[in-house]
């Protein structure tokens, strides 16, 4: 097969923090700091748009990661790990992939 290696991205925790902050603001009760932040950026409609764009971006990134792994003849197991990690964590996966595998292409 190939020499493509898998390593969990060290910066993935940052995505977890962003998701937690987003969830807090999106679900905040009235008259709370989260509600004030949500209302200042446009309310629930804006939060829905941000959520949908983030989901679409992560799906797109995961598909590109799939094609990169296929192009580089990665094993199915390693490909699966990279695709799932990219779907869940997005951009940090690309940095880890590039560092571990001497670039993306």
N, C-alpha and C. Protein backbone atom coordinates (compact mmCIF):
# COMPACT_ATOMS: atom_id res chain seq x y z
N UNK A 1 0.83 -1.19 0.00
CA UNK A 1 0.00 0.00 0.00
C UNK A 1 0.88 1.25 0.00
N UNK A 2 0.52 2.21 0.82
CA UNK A 2 1.23 3.48 0.80
C UNK A 2 1.93 3.73 2.12
N UNK A 3 2.56 4.85 2.18
CA UNK A 3 3.22 5.24 3.42
C UNK A 3 2.44 6.33 4.14
N UNK A 4 1.19 6.52 3.79
CA UNK A 4 0.36 7.52 4.46
C UNK A 4 0.15 7.07 5.90
N UNK A 5 0.45 7.96 6.82
CA UNK A 5 0.32 7.67 8.25
C UNK A 5 -0.82 8.50 8.84
N UNK A 6 -1.35 8.02 9.95
CA UNK A 6 -2.41 8.75 10.65
C UNK A 6 -1.89 9.22 12.00
N UNK A 7 -2.22 10.45 12.32
CA UNK A 7 -1.96 10.99 13.65
C UNK A 7 -3.09 11.96 13.98
N UNK A 8 -3.69 11.79 15.15
CA UNK A 8 -4.77 12.68 15.57
C UNK A 8 -4.23 14.10 15.69
N UNK A 9 -4.94 15.10 15.14
CA UNK A 9 -4.44 16.48 15.19
C UNK A 9 -4.37 17.04 16.61
N UNK A 10 -3.24 17.61 16.94
CA UNK A 10 -3.03 18.17 18.28
C UNK A 10 -3.93 19.38 18.54
N UNK A 11 -4.32 20.09 17.50
CA UNK A 11 -5.13 21.30 17.65
C UNK A 11 -6.63 21.03 17.61
N UNK A 12 -7.04 19.79 17.64
CA UNK A 12 -8.47 19.46 17.55
C UNK A 12 -9.25 20.01 18.74
N UNK A 13 -8.60 20.19 19.87
CA UNK A 13 -9.28 20.71 21.05
C UNK A 13 -9.87 22.10 20.79
N UNK A 14 -9.24 22.85 19.90
CA UNK A 14 -9.75 24.19 19.59
C UNK A 14 -11.13 24.13 18.96
N UNK A 15 -11.35 23.13 18.13
CA UNK A 15 -12.67 22.95 17.51
C UNK A 15 -13.69 22.62 18.60
N UNK A 16 -13.30 21.81 19.56
CA UNK A 16 -14.20 21.49 20.67
C UNK A 16 -14.60 22.73 21.45
N UNK A 17 -13.65 23.62 21.68
CA UNK A 17 -13.94 24.88 22.38
C UNK A 17 -14.91 25.72 21.55
N UNK A 18 -14.68 25.82 20.25
CA UNK A 18 -15.58 26.60 19.39
C UNK A 18 -16.99 26.01 19.39
N UNK A 19 -17.09 24.69 19.33
CA UNK A 19 -18.41 24.05 19.36
C UNK A 19 -19.12 24.33 20.68
N UNK A 20 -18.38 24.26 21.78
CA UNK A 20 -18.97 24.53 23.09
C UNK A 20 -19.45 25.98 23.19
N UNK A 21 -18.66 26.92 22.71
CA UNK A 21 -19.07 28.32 22.73
C UNK A 21 -20.28 28.55 21.84
N UNK A 22 -20.28 27.94 20.66
CA UNK A 22 -21.41 28.07 19.75
C UNK A 22 -22.68 27.51 20.41
N UNK A 23 -22.57 26.33 21.01
CA UNK A 23 -23.74 25.72 21.66
C UNK A 23 -24.26 26.59 22.80
N UNK A 24 -23.35 27.18 23.56
CA UNK A 24 -23.77 28.06 24.65
C UNK A 24 -24.55 29.26 24.11
N UNK A 25 -23.99 29.93 23.12
CA UNK A 25 -24.65 31.11 22.56
C UNK A 25 -25.97 30.73 21.89
N UNK A 26 -25.98 29.62 21.17
CA UNK A 26 -27.19 29.20 20.45
C UNK A 26 -28.32 28.81 21.40
N UNK A 27 -28.00 28.26 22.56
CA UNK A 27 -29.03 27.78 23.48
C UNK A 27 -29.20 28.64 24.73
N UNK A 28 -28.59 29.80 24.76
CA UNK A 28 -28.62 30.65 25.95
C UNK A 28 -30.04 31.15 26.22
N UNK A 29 -30.34 31.23 27.50
CA UNK A 29 -31.65 31.74 27.92
C UNK A 29 -31.74 33.25 27.75
N UNK A 30 -32.95 33.77 27.83
CA UNK A 30 -33.15 35.22 27.69
C UNK A 30 -32.36 36.00 28.74
N UNK A 31 -31.95 37.17 28.37
CA UNK A 31 -31.23 38.10 29.26
C UNK A 31 -29.89 37.56 29.75
N UNK A 32 -29.32 36.59 29.07
CA UNK A 32 -27.99 36.09 29.44
C UNK A 32 -26.95 36.66 28.48
N UNK A 33 -25.70 36.49 28.83
CA UNK A 33 -24.62 36.96 27.96
C UNK A 33 -24.71 36.27 26.59
N UNK A 34 -24.97 34.97 26.59
CA UNK A 34 -25.09 34.24 25.33
C UNK A 34 -26.21 34.78 24.45
N UNK A 35 -27.34 35.12 25.06
CA UNK A 35 -28.46 35.67 24.29
C UNK A 35 -28.10 37.04 23.73
N UNK A 36 -27.37 37.83 24.50
CA UNK A 36 -26.95 39.15 23.99
C UNK A 36 -26.00 39.00 22.81
N UNK A 37 -25.07 38.05 22.90
CA UNK A 37 -24.15 37.80 21.79
C UNK A 37 -24.94 37.34 20.57
N UNK A 38 -25.83 36.36 20.77
CA UNK A 38 -26.64 35.83 19.67
C UNK A 38 -27.45 36.94 19.00
N UNK A 39 -28.09 37.78 19.79
CA UNK A 39 -28.91 38.84 19.22
C UNK A 39 -28.07 39.90 18.52
N UNK A 40 -26.85 40.12 18.99
CA UNK A 40 -26.00 41.14 18.37
C UNK A 40 -25.49 40.71 17.00
N UNK A 41 -25.48 39.40 16.73
CA UNK A 41 -25.02 38.95 15.41
C UNK A 41 -26.17 38.58 14.48
N UNK A 42 -27.41 38.78 14.93
CA UNK A 42 -28.53 38.55 14.03
C UNK A 42 -29.54 37.52 14.49
N UNK A 43 -29.38 36.98 15.67
CA UNK A 43 -30.37 36.07 16.22
C UNK A 43 -30.24 34.63 15.74
N UNK A 44 -31.33 33.89 15.93
CA UNK A 44 -31.33 32.46 15.61
C UNK A 44 -31.08 32.18 14.13
N UNK A 45 -31.58 33.06 13.27
CA UNK A 45 -31.38 32.83 11.82
C UNK A 45 -29.89 32.84 11.47
N UNK A 46 -29.15 33.76 12.06
CA UNK A 46 -27.71 33.82 11.80
C UNK A 46 -27.01 32.59 12.38
N UNK A 47 -27.43 32.16 13.55
CA UNK A 47 -26.84 30.96 14.15
C UNK A 47 -27.10 29.74 13.27
N UNK A 48 -28.31 29.65 12.72
CA UNK A 48 -28.63 28.54 11.82
C UNK A 48 -27.75 28.57 10.58
N UNK A 49 -27.54 29.76 10.03
CA UNK A 49 -26.69 29.91 8.85
C UNK A 49 -25.25 29.50 9.16
N UNK A 50 -24.73 29.96 10.29
CA UNK A 50 -23.36 29.60 10.68
C UNK A 50 -23.24 28.08 10.84
N UNK A 51 -24.22 27.47 11.51
CA UNK A 51 -24.20 26.01 11.70
C UNK A 51 -24.21 25.28 10.36
N UNK A 52 -25.10 25.69 9.46
CA UNK A 52 -25.19 25.02 8.16
C UNK A 52 -23.92 25.20 7.33
N UNK A 53 -23.32 26.37 7.38
CA UNK A 53 -22.07 26.60 6.65
C UNK A 53 -20.93 25.76 7.22
N UNK A 54 -20.87 25.66 8.54
CA UNK A 54 -19.82 24.84 9.17
C UNK A 54 -19.98 23.37 8.81
N UNK A 55 -21.21 22.89 8.82
CA UNK A 55 -21.46 21.49 8.45
C UNK A 55 -21.07 21.25 7.00
N UNK A 56 -21.48 22.16 6.11
CA UNK A 56 -21.14 22.02 4.69
C UNK A 56 -19.63 22.05 4.47
N UNK A 57 -18.94 22.95 5.18
CA UNK A 57 -17.49 23.04 5.04
C UNK A 57 -16.81 21.76 5.49
N UNK A 58 -17.26 21.20 6.60
CA UNK A 58 -16.64 19.97 7.11
C UNK A 58 -16.92 18.78 6.19
N UNK A 59 -18.11 18.72 5.62
CA UNK A 59 -18.40 17.65 4.66
C UNK A 59 -17.51 17.81 3.43
N UNK A 60 -17.37 19.04 2.95
CA UNK A 60 -16.50 19.29 1.80
C UNK A 60 -15.05 18.93 2.09
N UNK A 61 -14.56 19.33 3.25
CA UNK A 61 -13.19 18.99 3.63
C UNK A 61 -12.99 17.48 3.73
N UNK A 62 -13.97 16.78 4.27
CA UNK A 62 -13.87 15.32 4.40
C UNK A 62 -13.83 14.66 3.02
N UNK A 63 -14.62 15.17 2.08
CA UNK A 63 -14.61 14.61 0.72
C UNK A 63 -13.27 14.84 0.05
N UNK A 64 -12.71 16.04 0.22
CA UNK A 64 -11.40 16.32 -0.36
C UNK A 64 -10.35 15.41 0.28
N UNK A 65 -10.43 15.22 1.60
CA UNK A 65 -9.49 14.32 2.28
C UNK A 65 -9.62 12.90 1.73
N UNK A 66 -10.84 12.46 1.45
CA UNK A 66 -11.05 11.14 0.86
C UNK A 66 -10.32 11.04 -0.47
N UNK A 67 -10.50 12.03 -1.33
CA UNK A 67 -9.86 12.00 -2.64
C UNK A 67 -8.33 12.09 -2.54
N UNK A 68 -7.82 12.89 -1.61
CA UNK A 68 -6.37 12.98 -1.41
C UNK A 68 -5.81 11.62 -0.99
N UNK A 69 -6.49 10.96 -0.06
CA UNK A 69 -6.03 9.65 0.40
C UNK A 69 -6.10 8.61 -0.71
N UNK A 70 -7.16 8.64 -1.50
CA UNK A 70 -7.27 7.70 -2.62
C UNK A 70 -6.16 7.97 -3.62
N UNK A 71 -5.93 9.24 -3.93
CA UNK A 71 -4.89 9.62 -4.90
C UNK A 71 -3.50 9.18 -4.44
N UNK A 72 -3.28 9.21 -3.13
CA UNK A 72 -1.97 8.84 -2.59
C UNK A 72 -1.90 7.37 -2.18
N UNK A 73 -2.89 6.59 -2.60
CA UNK A 73 -2.92 5.14 -2.37
C UNK A 73 -2.85 4.76 -0.89
N UNK A 74 -3.58 5.47 -0.08
CA UNK A 74 -3.63 5.16 1.34
C UNK A 74 -4.45 3.90 1.58
N UNK A 75 -4.16 3.21 2.66
CA UNK A 75 -4.94 2.01 3.00
C UNK A 75 -6.36 2.44 3.40
N UNK A 76 -7.34 1.56 3.23
CA UNK A 76 -8.72 1.90 3.61
C UNK A 76 -8.86 2.30 5.08
N UNK A 77 -8.13 1.63 5.96
CA UNK A 77 -8.21 1.94 7.39
C UNK A 77 -7.71 3.35 7.68
N UNK A 78 -6.57 3.71 7.13
CA UNK A 78 -6.01 5.04 7.34
C UNK A 78 -6.89 6.10 6.67
N UNK A 79 -7.38 5.80 5.48
CA UNK A 79 -8.28 6.72 4.79
C UNK A 79 -9.51 6.99 5.64
N UNK A 80 -10.11 5.94 6.18
CA UNK A 80 -11.29 6.09 7.02
C UNK A 80 -11.00 6.99 8.22
N UNK A 81 -9.87 6.77 8.88
CA UNK A 81 -9.51 7.59 10.05
C UNK A 81 -9.37 9.06 9.67
N UNK A 82 -8.67 9.34 8.56
CA UNK A 82 -8.48 10.73 8.14
C UNK A 82 -9.80 11.38 7.76
N UNK A 83 -10.65 10.66 7.05
CA UNK A 83 -11.93 11.23 6.62
C UNK A 83 -12.82 11.54 7.82
N UNK A 84 -12.93 10.62 8.77
CA UNK A 84 -13.76 10.86 9.95
C UNK A 84 -13.19 12.00 10.80
N UNK A 85 -11.88 12.01 10.98
CA UNK A 85 -11.26 13.09 11.76
C UNK A 85 -11.49 14.44 11.10
N UNK A 86 -11.38 14.49 9.77
CA UNK A 86 -11.61 15.74 9.06
C UNK A 86 -13.07 16.15 9.12
N UNK A 87 -13.97 15.20 9.03
CA UNK A 87 -15.40 15.51 9.13
C UNK A 87 -15.72 16.12 10.49
N UNK A 88 -15.14 15.60 11.54
CA UNK A 88 -15.44 16.08 12.88
C UNK A 88 -14.68 17.34 13.27
N UNK A 89 -13.41 17.45 12.87
CA UNK A 89 -12.56 18.53 13.37
C UNK A 89 -12.12 19.53 12.31
N UNK A 90 -12.28 19.23 11.03
CA UNK A 90 -11.99 20.18 9.97
C UNK A 90 -10.52 20.53 9.81
N UNK A 91 -10.24 21.82 9.79
CA UNK A 91 -8.93 22.36 9.44
C UNK A 91 -7.74 21.77 10.21
N UNK A 92 -7.83 21.52 11.51
CA UNK A 92 -6.67 20.95 12.18
C UNK A 92 -6.20 19.62 11.57
N UNK A 93 -7.12 18.90 10.96
CA UNK A 93 -6.76 17.63 10.32
C UNK A 93 -5.81 17.85 9.16
N UNK A 94 -6.01 18.93 8.42
CA UNK A 94 -5.16 19.19 7.26
C UNK A 94 -3.73 19.49 7.68
N UNK A 95 -3.58 20.26 8.75
CA UNK A 95 -2.24 20.54 9.25
C UNK A 95 -1.53 19.28 9.72
N UNK A 96 -2.26 18.42 10.44
CA UNK A 96 -1.68 17.17 10.92
C UNK A 96 -1.33 16.25 9.75
N UNK A 97 -2.23 16.15 8.78
CA UNK A 97 -1.98 15.30 7.61
C UNK A 97 -0.73 15.76 6.87
N UNK A 98 -0.64 17.07 6.64
CA UNK A 98 0.50 17.62 5.91
C UNK A 98 1.81 17.38 6.65
N UNK A 99 1.79 17.56 7.96
CA UNK A 99 3.00 17.40 8.76
C UNK A 99 3.46 15.94 8.80
N UNK A 100 2.53 15.02 8.98
CA UNK A 100 2.86 13.60 9.11
C UNK A 100 3.22 12.98 7.77
N UNK A 101 2.63 13.48 6.69
CA UNK A 101 2.77 12.83 5.38
C UNK A 101 3.50 13.68 4.35
N UNK A 102 4.35 14.58 4.81
CA UNK A 102 5.18 15.40 3.91
C UNK A 102 4.36 16.14 2.86
N UNK A 103 3.38 16.88 3.30
CA UNK A 103 2.55 17.67 2.39
C UNK A 103 1.24 16.97 2.08
N UNK A 104 0.39 17.71 1.40
CA UNK A 104 -0.93 17.18 1.08
C UNK A 104 -0.92 16.44 -0.24
N UNK A 105 -0.26 17.01 -1.25
CA UNK A 105 -0.28 16.37 -2.57
C UNK A 105 1.04 15.82 -2.88
